[in-house]
Amino acid sequence: MTVPSLRPIRRNGCASEVSFVAVLQATRALRRGFETAIYFYGPGSLNCLATRGFPTVGNSAFPGEHNINNQLKTFIAEGGKVYCCRFGLSLHGAREEDLIEGVIPTHPLDVQDALIHYARKGAVINSYQL
């Protein structure tokens, strides 16, 4: 399809389950043939960390702890683009090297540029700000 899809995601507090659903929806759009990108910014940037786990990184302290990690990996592997705001990461002590492989770190102003770019392409833009 020629219509792209962009999903900017900013979350607060414990709303990562809504971010997970947004990633599921983005994956569905991608599988339907839409050029699809996800932009995590602010606290939403934490969803892109590969350093999740307890008692060690990669281990799940509870079922579903790595749902968003796994779904982002699937989304990227199937051709989706995931952008993550560097400023959002730095505000929470996270580093670019902590990102899931394939996530593209970006400048904070790039979210505006992405919105303009995808809007000009006629994108369906769904924003999740929680």
C-alpha atoms as a PDB file:
ATOM      1  CA  MET A   1       0.000   0.000   0.000  1.00  0.00           C
ATOM      2  CA  THR A   2       1.089   3.566  -0.500  1.00  0.00           C
ATOM      3  CA  VAL A   3      -0.388   5.008   2.704  1.00  0.00           C
ATOM      4  CA  PRO A   4       2.168   4.966   5.529  1.00  0.00           C
ATOM      5  CA  SER A   5       1.391   4.714   9.218  1.00  0.00           C
ATOM      6  CA  LEU A   6       3.173   6.505  12.084  1.00  0.00           C
ATOM      7  CA  ARG A   7       2.543   5.862  15.780  1.00  0.00           C
ATOM      8  CA  PRO A   8       4.204   8.334  18.169  1.00  0.00           C
ATOM      9  CA  ILE A   9       4.115   6.890  21.690  1.00  0.00           C
ATOM     10  CA  ARG A  10       4.726   8.784  24.931  1.00  0.00           C
ATOM     11  CA  ARG A  11       3.753   7.054  28.130  1.00  0.00           C
ATOM     12  CA  ASN A  12       3.674   7.989  31.786  1.00  0.00           C
ATOM     13  CA  GLY A  13       3.954   5.775  34.813  1.00  0.00           C
ATOM     14  CA  CYS A  14       2.843   2.180  34.433  1.00  0.00           C
ATOM     15  CA  ALA A  15       1.077   2.504  31.078  1.00  0.00           C
ATOM     16  CA  SER A  16       3.441   0.205  29.192  1.00  0.00           C
ATOM     17  CA  GLU A  17       0.574  -2.213  28.503  1.00  0.00           C
ATOM     18  CA  VAL A  18      -0.988   0.477  26.301  1.00  0.00           C
ATOM     19  CA  SER A  19       2.354   0.889  24.515  1.00  0.00           C
ATOM     20  CA  PHE A  20       2.355  -2.871  23.959  1.00  0.00           C
ATOM     21  CA  VAL A  21      -1.106  -2.735  22.376  1.00  0.00           C
ATOM     22  CA  ALA A  22       0.065   0.149  20.160  1.00  0.00           C
ATOM     23  CA  VAL A  23       2.993  -1.976  18.983  1.00  0.00           C
ATOM     24  CA  LEU A  24       0.589  -4.860  18.261  1.00  0.00           C
ATOM     25  CA  GLN A  25      -1.562  -2.481  16.190  1.00  0.00           C
ATOM     26  CA  ALA A  26       1.507  -1.194  14.343  1.00  0.00           C
ATOM     27  CA  THR A  27       2.535  -4.781  13.586  1.00  0.00           C
ATOM     28  CA  ARG A  28      -0.926  -5.478  12.205  1.00  0.00           C
ATOM     29  CA  ALA A  29      -0.720  -2.386   9.959  1.00  0.00           C
ATOM     30  CA  LEU A  30       2.725  -3.504   8.767  1.00  0.00           C
ATOM     31  CA  ARG A  31       1.434  -6.983   7.951  1.00  0.00           C
ATOM     32  CA  ARG A  32      -1.443  -5.426   6.017  1.00  0.00           C
ATOM     33  CA  GLY A  33       1.094  -3.760   3.744  1.00  0.00           C
ATOM     34  CA  PHE A  34       1.340  -0.301   5.290  1.00  0.00           C
ATOM     35  CA  GLU A  35       4.763   1.320   5.612  1.00  0.00           C
ATOM     36  CA  THR A  36       4.790   1.590   9.397  1.00  0.00           C
ATOM     37  CA  ALA A  37       6.986   3.416  11.911  1.00  0.00           C
ATOM     38  CA  ILE A  38       6.814   3.830  15.685  1.00  0.00           C
ATOM     39  CA  TYR A  39       8.375   6.817  17.460  1.00  0.00           C
ATOM     40  CA  PHE A  40       8.904   6.462  21.221  1.00  0.00           C
ATOM     41  CA  TYR A  41       9.569   9.714  23.050  1.00  0.00           C
ATOM     42  CA  GLY A  42       9.621  11.000  26.618  1.00  0.00           C
ATOM     43  CA  PRO A  43       9.081   8.197  29.134  1.00  0.00           C
ATOM     44  CA  GLY A  44       7.934   6.011  26.230  1.00  0.00           C
ATOM     45  CA  SER A  45      11.587   5.704  25.255  1.00  0.00           C
ATOM     46  CA  LEU A  46      12.024   3.230  28.104  1.00  0.00           C
ATOM     47  CA  ASN A  47       9.993   0.694  26.099  1.00  0.00           C
ATOM     48  CA  CYS A  48      12.953   0.341  23.719  1.00  0.00           C
ATOM     49  CA  LEU A  49      15.433  -0.873  26.331  1.00  0.00           C
ATOM     50  CA  ALA A  50      16.977  -4.302  25.923  1.00  0.00           C
ATOM     51  CA  THR A  51      18.107  -4.214  29.569  1.00  0.00           C
ATOM     52  CA  ARG A  52      14.804  -5.373  31.050  1.00  0.00           C
ATOM     53  CA  GLY A  53      14.866  -8.391  33.334  1.00  0.00           C
ATOM     54  CA  PHE A  54      15.213  -9.748  36.839  1.00  0.00           C
ATOM     55  CA  PRO A  55      17.262 -11.133  38.519  1.00  0.00           C
ATOM     56  CA  THR A  56      19.449 -10.642  35.448  1.00  0.00           C
ATOM     57  CA  VAL A  57      18.915  -8.965  32.090  1.00  0.00           C
ATOM     58  CA  GLY A  58      16.873 -11.172  29.786  1.00  0.00           C
ATOM     59  CA  ASN A  59      15.183 -13.161  32.552  1.00  0.00           C
ATOM     60  CA  SER A  60      11.506 -12.558  33.240  1.00  0.00           C
ATOM     61  CA  ALA A  61      10.501 -11.912  36.835  1.00  0.00           C
ATOM     62  CA  PHE A  62       6.872 -12.484  35.809  1.00  0.00           C
ATOM     63  CA  PRO A  63       5.080 -13.764  32.698  1.00  0.00           C
ATOM     64  CA  GLY A  64       4.860 -11.095  30.030  1.00  0.00           C
ATOM     65  CA  GLU A  65       7.705  -8.929  31.303  1.00  0.00           C
ATOM     66  CA  HIS A  66       9.375  -9.119  27.889  1.00  0.00           C
ATOM     67  CA  ASN A  67       6.218  -8.851  25.765  1.00  0.00           C
ATOM     68  CA  ILE A  68       7.068  -5.409  24.424  1.00  0.00           C
ATOM     69  CA  ASN A  69      10.716  -6.370  23.814  1.00  0.00           C
ATOM     70  CA  ASN A  70       9.685  -9.440  21.846  1.00  0.00           C
ATOM     71  CA  GLN A  71       7.014  -7.607  19.877  1.00  0.00           C
ATOM     72  CA  LEU A  72       9.393  -4.765  18.971  1.00  0.00           C
ATOM     73  CA  LYS A  73      11.927  -7.325  17.748  1.00  0.00           C
ATOM     74  CA  THR A  74       9.223  -8.946  15.618  1.00  0.00           C
ATOM     75  CA  PHE A  75       8.099  -5.563  14.266  1.00  0.00           C
ATOM     76  CA  ILE A  76      11.669  -4.630  13.301  1.00  0.00           C
ATOM     77  CA  ALA A  77      12.371  -8.064  11.794  1.00  0.00           C
ATOM     78  CA  GLU A  78       9.270  -7.727   9.600  1.00  0.00           C
ATOM     79  CA  GLY A  79      10.433  -4.364   8.219  1.00  0.00           C
ATOM     80  CA  GLY A  80       8.966  -1.800  10.615  1.00  0.00           C
ATOM     81  CA  LYS A  81      10.985   1.176  11.785  1.00  0.00           C
ATOM     82  CA  VAL A  82      11.280   2.023  15.483  1.00  0.00           C
ATOM     83  CA  TYR A  83      12.626   5.429  16.485  1.00  0.00           C
ATOM     84  CA  CYS A  84      13.556   6.349  20.052  1.00  0.00           C
ATOM     85  CA  CYS A  85      14.215   9.839  21.456  1.00  0.00           C
ATOM     86  CA  ARG A  86      17.723  10.186  22.897  1.00  0.00           C
ATOM     87  CA  PHE A  87      16.572  12.922  25.284  1.00  0.00           C
ATOM     88  CA  GLY A  88      13.816  10.687  26.664  1.00  0.00           C
ATOM     89  CA  LEU A  89      16.426   8.014  27.285  1.00  0.00           C
ATOM     90  CA  SER A  90      18.886  10.369  28.955  1.00  0.00           C
ATOM     91  CA  LEU A  91      16.258  11.787  31.321  1.00  0.00           C
ATOM     92  CA  HIS A  92      15.873   8.298  32.766  1.00  0.00           C
ATOM     93  CA  GLY A  93      19.551   7.340  32.843  1.00  0.00           C
ATOM     94  CA  ALA A  94      19.351   5.043  29.836  1.00  0.00           C
ATOM     95  CA  ARG A  95      21.933   4.921  27.067  1.00  0.00           C
ATOM     96  CA  GLU A  96      21.787   4.318  23.333  1.00  0.00           C
ATOM     97  CA  GLU A  97      23.768   1.105  23.760  1.00  0.00           C
ATOM     98  CA  ASP A  98      20.930  -0.177  25.988  1.00  0.00           C
ATOM     99  CA  LEU A  99      18.448  -0.143  23.091  1.00  0.00           C
ATOM    100  CA  ILE A 100      16.959  -3.208  21.454  1.00  0.00           C
ATOM    101  CA  GLU A 101      18.918  -4.035  18.309  1.00  0.00           C
ATOM    102  CA  GLY A 102      17.451  -2.214  15.320  1.00  0.00           C
ATOM    103  CA  VAL A 103      15.911   0.682  17.269  1.00  0.00           C
ATOM    104  CA  ILE A 104      17.032   3.999  15.762  1.00  0.00           C
ATOM    105  CA  PRO A 105      18.051   6.651  18.337  1.00  0.00           C
ATOM    106  CA  THR A 106      16.947  10.150  17.313  1.00  0.00           C
ATOM    107  CA  HIS A 107      17.222  13.806  18.293  1.00  0.00           C
ATOM    108  CA  PRO A 108      14.206  15.170  20.227  1.00  0.00           C
ATOM    109  CA  LEU A 109      13.259  17.504  17.362  1.00  0.00           C
ATOM    110  CA  ASP A 110      13.045  14.537  15.002  1.00  0.00           C
ATOM    111  CA  VAL A 111       9.560  13.698  16.314  1.00  0.00           C
ATOM    112  CA  GLN A 112       8.292  16.907  14.725  1.00  0.00           C
ATOM    113  CA  ASP A 113      10.212  16.180  11.534  1.00  0.00           C
ATOM    114  CA  ALA A 114       8.785  12.648  11.465  1.00  0.00           C
ATOM    115  CA  LEU A 115       5.242  13.953  11.876  1.00  0.00           C
ATOM    116  CA  ILE A 116       5.758  16.432   9.025  1.00  0.00           C
ATOM    117  CA  HIS A 117       7.412  13.791   6.802  1.00  0.00           C
ATOM    118  CA  TYR A 118       4.690  11.197   7.309  1.00  0.00           C
ATOM    119  CA  ALA A 119       1.839  13.744   7.133  1.00  0.00           C
ATOM    120  CA  ARG A 120       3.115  14.904   3.735  1.00  0.00           C
ATOM    121  CA  LYS A 121       3.039  11.284   2.599  1.00  0.00           C
ATOM    122  CA  GLY A 122      -0.622  11.077   3.637  1.00  0.00           C
ATOM    123  CA  ALA A 123       0.044   8.868   6.656  1.00  0.00           C
ATOM    124  CA  VAL A 124      -2.439   7.589   9.146  1.00  0.00           C
ATOM    125  CA  ILE A 125      -0.975   9.030  12.372  1.00  0.00           C
ATOM    126  CA  ASN A 126      -2.111   7.525  15.665  1.00  0.00           C
ATOM    127  CA  SER A 127      -0.575   9.183  18.708  1.00  0.00           C
ATOM    128  CA  TYR A 128      -0.574   7.559  22.127  1.00  0.00           C
ATOM    129  CA  GLN A 129       0.163  10.003  24.935  1.00  0.00           C
ATOM    130  CA  LEU A 130      -0.637   8.554  28.317  1.00  0.00           C
END
